[in-house]
Amino acid sequence: MTRATGGIPMRLQVRFAMRYALLVTAALGAAACSSQPAAPAAEAPPAAARSADPEHQNLTAPHGDHSPHKGGMVLMNGDMHYEVVFSRDGTHRIWFSDPVRNELPASVATGVTMVITREKEAPEILKLEIDDTGESWLASGRPVVGDGAYVKISYALQGEPHEVELPFVIQAPPTP
C-alpha cells in the first residue's frame, strides 16, 4: 500500500474524498429541493398603483416621483406624500397621495391647520376644510404680502400627529 501524507493509505484518502463529495452533493441537492420556488418575474403594477397623472405614468416605484402635480411643493410623512400650494391671495390647498403618488381622498387626514406667521403681525390660524370634491384641504385667509412669512402645517394621519414649519414660498407653475 502506498502511504500518503499523514500515514493514511492513499486508497482510504480517495474513498474519504469520494464520500465527502457525495455527501456535499446530496446536501446541496436536498437544500435545492426544499427551498421555496423562485419568485415570479415582476409584472406591471396594477392600474391602481400607477399614477393617474399622464406625465408621471411610468413612475411606479414608491417614492420615485416627488415632482409637484398641482404646482406646489411636495413633502413626506412616512410613506405618505402631501403637496402644499400657497397663494398670495390667501387661498391655500393640501393634497395627499400614496407612495407612488396616487391621489388619496382628503379624508385620510384630520385636523388640518395652518398657522401663517408674517413679519410684524400676529400669527393667522387657519382651520382647513375639505373642498367640495373631497380631494384636497382648503384654507381661505388674508393675503400674504412680501417675503419672510412662515407656515406651520399640522394634521393627523391615523391618529398620529404631524407638524412641519416651512417658509411661505410660491412655487413656479407646473410646466405643460
Protein backbone atom coordinates (compact mmCIF):
# COMPACT_ATOMS: atom_id res chain seq x y z
CA MET A 1 0.00 0.00 0.00
CA THR A 2 1.20 3.42 -0.85
CA ARG A 3 1.13 5.82 2.02
CA ALA A 4 0.12 9.45 1.53
CA THR A 5 0.99 12.26 3.84
CA GLY A 6 -0.08 11.77 7.41
CA GLY A 7 0.32 8.00 7.32
CA ILE A 8 -3.17 7.29 5.86
CA PRO A 9 -3.19 4.86 2.93
CA MET A 10 -3.94 6.54 -0.41
CA ARG A 11 -6.96 4.35 -1.18
CA LEU A 12 -8.59 5.41 2.13
CA GLN A 13 -7.94 9.05 1.33
CA VAL A 14 -9.55 8.61 -2.12
CA ARG A 15 -12.51 6.75 -0.60
CA PHE A 16 -12.91 9.51 2.04
CA ALA A 17 -12.73 12.21 -0.65
CA MET A 18 -15.37 10.43 -2.74
CA ARG A 19 -17.71 10.00 0.24
CA TYR A 20 -17.20 13.67 1.18
CA ALA A 21 -18.00 14.76 -2.39
CA LEU A 22 -21.16 12.59 -2.43
CA LEU A 23 -22.23 13.96 0.96
CA VAL A 24 -21.76 17.57 -0.18
CA THR A 25 -23.62 16.88 -3.45
CA ALA A 26 -26.51 15.23 -1.58
CA ALA A 27 -26.71 18.11 0.90
CA LEU A 28 -26.79 20.70 -1.88
CA GLY A 29 -29.43 18.72 -3.76
CA ALA A 30 -31.61 18.44 -0.65
CA ALA A 31 -31.28 22.14 0.03
CA ALA A 32 -32.26 22.98 -3.52
CA CYS A 33 -35.29 20.69 -3.38
CA SER A 34 -36.56 22.08 -0.10
CA SER A 35 -36.12 25.73 -0.98
CA GLN A 36 -39.02 27.92 -1.99
CA PRO A 37 -39.78 28.19 -5.69
CA ALA A 38 -38.28 31.17 -7.45
CA ALA A 39 -40.33 34.33 -7.27
CA PRO A 40 -42.28 35.03 -10.42
CA ALA A 41 -40.94 37.69 -12.73
CA ALA A 42 -42.05 41.19 -11.87
CA GLU A 43 -45.29 42.13 -13.50
CA ALA A 44 -46.57 45.54 -14.41
CA PRO A 45 -48.17 47.16 -11.37
CA PRO A 46 -51.94 47.06 -11.24
CA ALA A 47 -53.76 50.09 -12.57
CA ALA A 48 -54.43 51.27 -9.03
CA ALA A 49 -50.66 51.51 -8.39
CA ARG A 50 -49.99 53.60 -11.48
CA SER A 51 -50.07 57.36 -11.34
CA ALA A 52 -53.26 58.92 -12.63
CA ASP A 53 -51.17 61.84 -13.84
CA PRO A 54 -50.23 61.14 -17.51
CA GLU A 55 -46.92 62.97 -17.14
CA HIS A 56 -45.86 60.53 -14.40
CA GLN A 57 -47.49 57.34 -15.74
CA ASN A 58 -44.31 55.23 -15.78
CA LEU A 59 -43.02 56.21 -12.36
CA THR A 60 -44.38 53.31 -10.34
CA ALA A 61 -41.68 52.72 -7.74
CA PRO A 62 -42.55 54.03 -4.28
CA HIS A 63 -41.04 57.48 -3.81
CA GLY A 64 -39.90 57.60 -7.43
CA ASP A 65 -41.90 60.77 -8.08
CA HIS A 66 -41.57 63.82 -5.86
CA SER A 67 -42.43 66.35 -8.53
CA PRO A 68 -45.35 68.68 -7.86
CA HIS A 69 -48.53 67.69 -9.70
CA LYS A 70 -50.54 70.70 -8.51
CA GLY A 71 -47.90 73.44 -8.74
CA GLY A 72 -46.87 73.38 -5.08
CA MET A 73 -44.18 71.72 -3.00
CA VAL A 74 -44.17 68.01 -2.20
CA LEU A 75 -43.44 66.89 1.36
CA MET A 76 -43.47 63.48 3.02
CA ASN A 77 -44.68 61.96 6.25
CA GLY A 78 -43.51 58.34 6.28
CA ASP A 79 -44.82 56.81 3.05
CA MET A 80 -47.48 59.50 2.67
CA HIS A 81 -46.83 62.38 0.30
CA TYR A 82 -48.61 65.68 0.53
CA GLU A 83 -48.46 68.63 -1.80
CA VAL A 84 -48.91 72.13 -0.42
CA VAL A 85 -49.90 75.02 -2.67
CA PHE A 86 -49.67 78.53 -1.22
CA SER A 87 -51.24 81.54 -2.91
CA ARG A 88 -50.52 85.22 -2.25
CA ASP A 89 -54.29 85.91 -2.25
CA GLY A 90 -54.68 83.78 0.91
CA THR A 91 -56.13 80.63 -0.67
CA HIS A 92 -54.05 77.56 0.21
CA ARG A 93 -54.53 73.84 -0.53
CA ILE A 94 -53.10 70.48 0.55
CA TRP A 95 -53.46 67.23 -1.41
CA PHE A 96 -52.45 63.80 -0.06
CA SER A 97 -51.08 60.92 -2.12
CA ASP A 98 -49.71 57.42 -1.55
CA PRO A 99 -46.08 56.22 -2.01
CA VAL A 100 -46.44 56.12 -5.83
CA ARG A 101 -48.29 59.48 -5.85
CA ASN A 102 -51.81 58.21 -6.49
CA GLU A 103 -54.14 60.85 -5.11
CA LEU A 104 -55.94 59.96 -1.91
CA PRO A 105 -59.16 61.44 -0.58
CA ALA A 106 -58.60 64.42 1.69
CA SER A 107 -60.30 62.49 4.49
CA VAL A 108 -57.12 60.39 5.05
CA ALA A 109 -56.02 63.29 7.27
CA THR A 110 -57.84 65.02 10.09
CA GLY A 111 -57.48 68.30 11.95
CA VAL A 112 -55.58 70.09 9.20
CA THR A 113 -54.45 73.57 10.22
CA MET A 114 -52.02 76.24 9.05
CA VAL A 115 -50.52 78.96 11.16
CA ILE A 116 -49.13 81.74 8.98
CA THR A 117 -46.58 83.96 10.66
CA ARG A 118 -45.87 87.24 8.91
CA GLU A 119 -43.29 89.82 9.88
CA LYS A 120 -44.62 92.35 12.42
CA GLU A 121 -48.10 90.74 12.52
CA ALA A 122 -49.89 88.36 14.84
CA PRO A 123 -49.98 84.76 13.56
CA GLU A 124 -53.02 83.82 11.49
CA ILE A 125 -54.55 80.45 12.39
CA LEU A 126 -56.42 78.73 9.56
CA LYS A 127 -58.52 75.59 10.03
CA LEU A 128 -58.66 73.93 6.64
CA GLU A 129 -61.81 72.30 5.31
CA ILE A 130 -62.21 69.52 2.76
CA ASP A 131 -63.16 71.02 -0.61
CA ASP A 132 -66.42 70.20 -2.42
CA THR A 133 -64.78 67.40 -4.45
CA GLY A 134 -63.29 65.70 -1.37
CA GLU A 135 -59.83 65.79 -2.98
CA SER A 136 -57.98 68.48 -1.04
CA TRP A 137 -57.94 70.57 2.10
CA LEU A 138 -58.68 74.26 1.50
CA ALA A 139 -57.97 77.40 3.51
CA SER A 140 -59.01 80.96 2.84
CA GLY A 141 -57.08 83.54 4.78
CA ARG A 142 -55.65 87.02 4.50
CA PRO A 143 -53.39 87.82 1.55
CA VAL A 144 -49.67 87.22 2.12
CA VAL A 145 -47.69 90.26 1.03
CA GLY A 146 -43.91 90.43 0.79
CA ASP A 147 -41.35 87.91 1.90
CA GLY A 148 -40.43 86.46 5.27
CA ALA A 149 -43.66 84.64 6.10
CA TYR A 150 -43.59 81.13 7.58
CA VAL A 151 -46.31 78.49 7.69
CA LYS A 152 -46.73 75.73 10.25
CA ILE A 153 -48.88 72.90 8.92
CA SER A 154 -50.40 70.42 11.37
CA TYR A 155 -52.61 67.37 10.80
CA ALA A 156 -53.12 63.79 11.95
CA LEU A 157 -52.91 60.56 9.95
CA GLN A 158 -54.50 57.53 11.59
CA GLY A 159 -54.43 59.42 14.86
CA GLU A 160 -50.71 60.22 14.66
CA PRO A 161 -49.98 63.96 14.73
CA HIS A 162 -47.64 65.54 12.21
CA GLU A 163 -46.31 69.07 12.06
CA VAL A 164 -43.93 70.89 9.73
CA GLU A 165 -42.85 74.51 9.53
CA LEU A 166 -41.65 75.95 6.25
CA PRO A 167 -41.18 79.27 4.52
CA PHE A 168 -44.10 80.67 2.59
CA VAL A 169 -42.94 80.05 -0.98
CA ILE A 170 -44.88 80.46 -4.18
CA GLN A 171 -43.77 77.68 -6.50
CA ALA A 172 -43.44 78.16 -10.22
CA PRO A 173 -46.48 76.85 -12.10
CA PRO A 174 -46.09 73.30 -13.42
CA THR A 175 -44.69 73.03 -16.91
CA PRO A 176 -47.16 71.79 -19.54
